[in-house]
């Protein structure tokens, strides 16, 4: 925050916020910016809000979704059930990675699936051994099923 008095209960002259907004399939940068500007207008802040994309050297990743009835999804769910006896739900993954490039730019259907654990992508990251074992078996069965030609 800039300006005003450093004391408490003072409205600053300027406040900058960084918002990390994930988009879902069908949304664009323009739609997201318009939504934020509309919210600002509803709050009586018309003309007082500036929304911009953070400049970056590489393009922003575009969102994607694989249909729940896609053979890859169905086979993965079937093999997960056969290994664990549990249903595998479908959900959005609120992150970006190489999957976005494979799915959006190359048209390759992609799902994210793996074991649970803790400290994802950080210090002392771990996965539960029994889930790693189960995932390996699900991967093996899924690939075998996809390569069988019965899909």
Protein backbone atom coordinates (compact mmCIF):
# COMPACT_ATOMS: atom_id res chain seq x y z
CA UNK A 1 0.00 0.00 0.00
CA UNK A 2 1.18 3.46 -0.77
CA UNK A 3 0.42 6.86 0.66
CA UNK A 4 -1.57 7.81 3.72
CA UNK A 5 -0.40 7.46 7.28
CA UNK A 6 1.39 4.32 8.52
CA UNK A 7 -0.92 4.31 11.54
CA UNK A 8 -3.94 2.09 11.95
CA UNK A 9 -7.40 2.75 10.56
CA UNK A 10 -6.09 4.80 7.65
CA UNK A 11 -7.28 4.30 4.09
CA UNK A 12 -4.22 4.15 1.84
CA UNK A 13 -3.93 6.23 -1.30
CA UNK A 14 -3.13 3.17 -3.41
CA UNK A 15 -3.35 -0.60 -3.01
CA UNK A 16 -1.91 -3.17 -5.42
CA UNK A 17 -3.10 -6.77 -5.42
CA UNK A 18 -1.69 -9.76 -7.24
CA UNK A 19 -4.43 -12.24 -8.14
CA UNK A 20 -3.57 -15.69 -9.44
CA UNK A 21 -6.76 -16.61 -11.32
CA UNK A 22 -7.14 -20.09 -12.79
CA UNK A 23 -9.40 -20.33 -15.80
CA UNK A 24 -11.69 -23.17 -16.81
CA UNK A 25 -12.29 -24.37 -20.36
CA UNK A 26 -14.11 -21.74 -22.38
CA UNK A 27 -12.78 -18.80 -20.38
CA UNK A 28 -10.27 -16.37 -21.84
CA UNK A 29 -8.07 -13.65 -20.37
CA UNK A 30 -10.62 -11.12 -21.61
CA UNK A 31 -13.51 -12.88 -19.86
CA UNK A 32 -11.58 -13.03 -16.56
CA UNK A 33 -10.64 -9.35 -16.73
CA UNK A 34 -14.25 -8.42 -17.56
CA UNK A 35 -15.49 -10.40 -14.53
CA UNK A 36 -13.08 -8.57 -12.22
CA UNK A 37 -14.02 -5.19 -13.70
CA UNK A 38 -17.73 -6.00 -13.30
CA UNK A 39 -17.16 -6.93 -9.64
CA UNK A 40 -15.29 -3.64 -9.13
CA UNK A 41 -18.18 -1.73 -10.72
CA UNK A 42 -20.68 -3.46 -8.42
CA UNK A 43 -18.53 -2.33 -5.47
CA UNK A 44 -18.67 1.27 -6.68
CA UNK A 45 -15.06 1.25 -7.87
CA UNK A 46 -15.60 2.12 -11.54
CA UNK A 47 -12.59 3.97 -12.90
CA UNK A 48 -10.55 3.16 -9.80
CA UNK A 49 -9.43 -0.35 -10.74
CA UNK A 50 -6.76 -1.31 -13.26
CA UNK A 51 -6.49 -5.00 -14.23
CA UNK A 52 -3.56 -6.29 -16.28
CA UNK A 53 -1.92 -9.60 -17.03
CA UNK A 54 1.52 -9.97 -15.54
CA UNK A 55 4.02 -9.83 -18.43
CA UNK A 56 5.92 -13.05 -18.99
CA UNK A 57 8.35 -14.45 -21.54
CA UNK A 58 6.39 -17.64 -22.24
CA UNK A 59 2.70 -17.80 -23.12
CA UNK A 60 0.11 -18.37 -20.43
CA UNK A 61 -1.11 -21.97 -20.24
CA UNK A 62 -4.64 -22.51 -21.53
CA UNK A 63 -7.09 -24.66 -19.60
CA UNK A 64 -8.52 -27.92 -20.86
CA UNK A 65 -10.83 -30.73 -19.84
CA UNK A 66 -11.13 -34.30 -21.00
CA UNK A 67 -14.73 -35.51 -21.28
CA UNK A 68 -15.69 -37.92 -18.51
CA UNK A 69 -16.82 -40.48 -21.10
CA UNK A 70 -13.47 -40.41 -22.94
CA UNK A 71 -11.98 -43.94 -23.22
CA UNK A 72 -8.84 -42.91 -21.30
CA UNK A 73 -10.95 -41.69 -18.37
CA UNK A 74 -13.27 -44.71 -18.40
CA UNK A 75 -10.44 -47.24 -18.58
CA UNK A 76 -8.47 -45.49 -15.82
CA UNK A 77 -11.57 -45.49 -13.61
CA UNK A 78 -12.26 -49.17 -14.34
CA UNK A 79 -8.68 -50.21 -13.59
CA UNK A 80 -8.58 -48.06 -10.44
CA UNK A 81 -11.72 -49.82 -9.23
CA UNK A 82 -10.32 -53.24 -10.08
CA UNK A 83 -7.17 -52.51 -8.03
CA UNK A 84 -8.67 -50.60 -5.08
CA UNK A 85 -12.36 -51.49 -4.99
CA UNK A 86 -13.12 -47.76 -4.90
CA UNK A 87 -14.56 -45.32 -7.43
CA UNK A 88 -12.20 -42.75 -8.97
CA UNK A 89 -13.99 -39.39 -9.23
CA UNK A 90 -13.34 -36.82 -11.94
CA UNK A 91 -12.35 -33.29 -10.95
CA UNK A 92 -10.52 -30.24 -12.24
CA UNK A 93 -6.85 -29.95 -11.31
CA UNK A 94 -6.21 -26.35 -10.28
CA UNK A 95 -2.68 -26.14 -11.57
CA UNK A 96 -0.67 -25.87 -14.76
CA UNK A 97 1.99 -28.20 -16.12
CA UNK A 98 3.11 -29.91 -19.31
CA UNK A 99 -0.36 -31.46 -19.53
CA UNK A 100 -1.68 -28.10 -20.70
CA UNK A 101 0.73 -28.09 -23.65
CA UNK A 102 0.01 -31.72 -24.56
CA UNK A 103 -3.77 -31.27 -24.38
CA UNK A 104 -4.22 -27.77 -25.80
CA UNK A 105 -1.38 -27.39 -28.30
CA UNK A 106 -1.04 -31.02 -29.43
CA UNK A 107 -4.57 -32.32 -28.90
CA UNK A 108 -3.43 -35.28 -26.79
CA UNK A 109 -5.96 -36.26 -24.10
CA UNK A 110 -4.37 -36.01 -20.67
CA UNK A 111 -5.48 -36.95 -17.16
CA UNK A 112 -3.64 -36.31 -13.91
CA UNK A 113 -3.45 -39.34 -11.64
CA UNK A 114 -1.05 -40.35 -8.91
CA UNK A 115 -0.59 -41.26 -5.26
CA UNK A 116 -1.39 -38.98 -2.35
CA UNK A 117 1.20 -37.79 0.11
CA UNK A 118 2.43 -34.52 1.48
CA UNK A 119 4.58 -31.48 0.74
CA UNK A 120 3.80 -31.73 -2.96
CA UNK A 121 6.72 -30.40 -5.04
CA UNK A 122 8.49 -29.14 -1.93
CA UNK A 123 11.00 -30.15 0.71
CA UNK A 124 10.43 -33.60 2.16
CA UNK A 125 7.82 -34.51 -0.45
CA UNK A 126 6.46 -38.02 0.04
CA UNK A 127 3.89 -40.46 -1.27
CA UNK A 128 2.28 -43.29 0.64
CA UNK A 129 4.03 -46.55 -0.33
CA UNK A 130 0.80 -48.53 -0.67
CA UNK A 131 -0.64 -45.85 -2.97
CA UNK A 132 2.53 -45.78 -5.08
CA UNK A 133 2.22 -49.57 -5.45
CA UNK A 134 -1.49 -49.33 -6.33
CA UNK A 135 -0.82 -46.53 -8.83
CA UNK A 136 1.84 -48.60 -10.54
CA UNK A 137 -0.63 -51.44 -10.96
CA UNK A 138 -3.35 -49.08 -12.21
CA UNK A 139 -0.89 -47.59 -14.73
CA UNK A 140 0.14 -51.08 -15.91
CA UNK A 141 -3.43 -52.26 -16.36
CA UNK A 142 -4.53 -49.02 -18.03
CA UNK A 143 -1.70 -49.11 -20.57
CA UNK A 144 -2.31 -52.82 -21.25
CA UNK A 145 -6.00 -52.12 -21.83
CA UNK A 146 -5.30 -49.15 -24.11
CA UNK A 147 -2.78 -51.18 -26.14
CA UNK A 148 -5.07 -54.20 -26.44
CA UNK A 149 -6.98 -52.52 -29.25
CA UNK A 150 -10.32 -53.20 -27.59
CA UNK A 151 -10.89 -49.50 -26.91
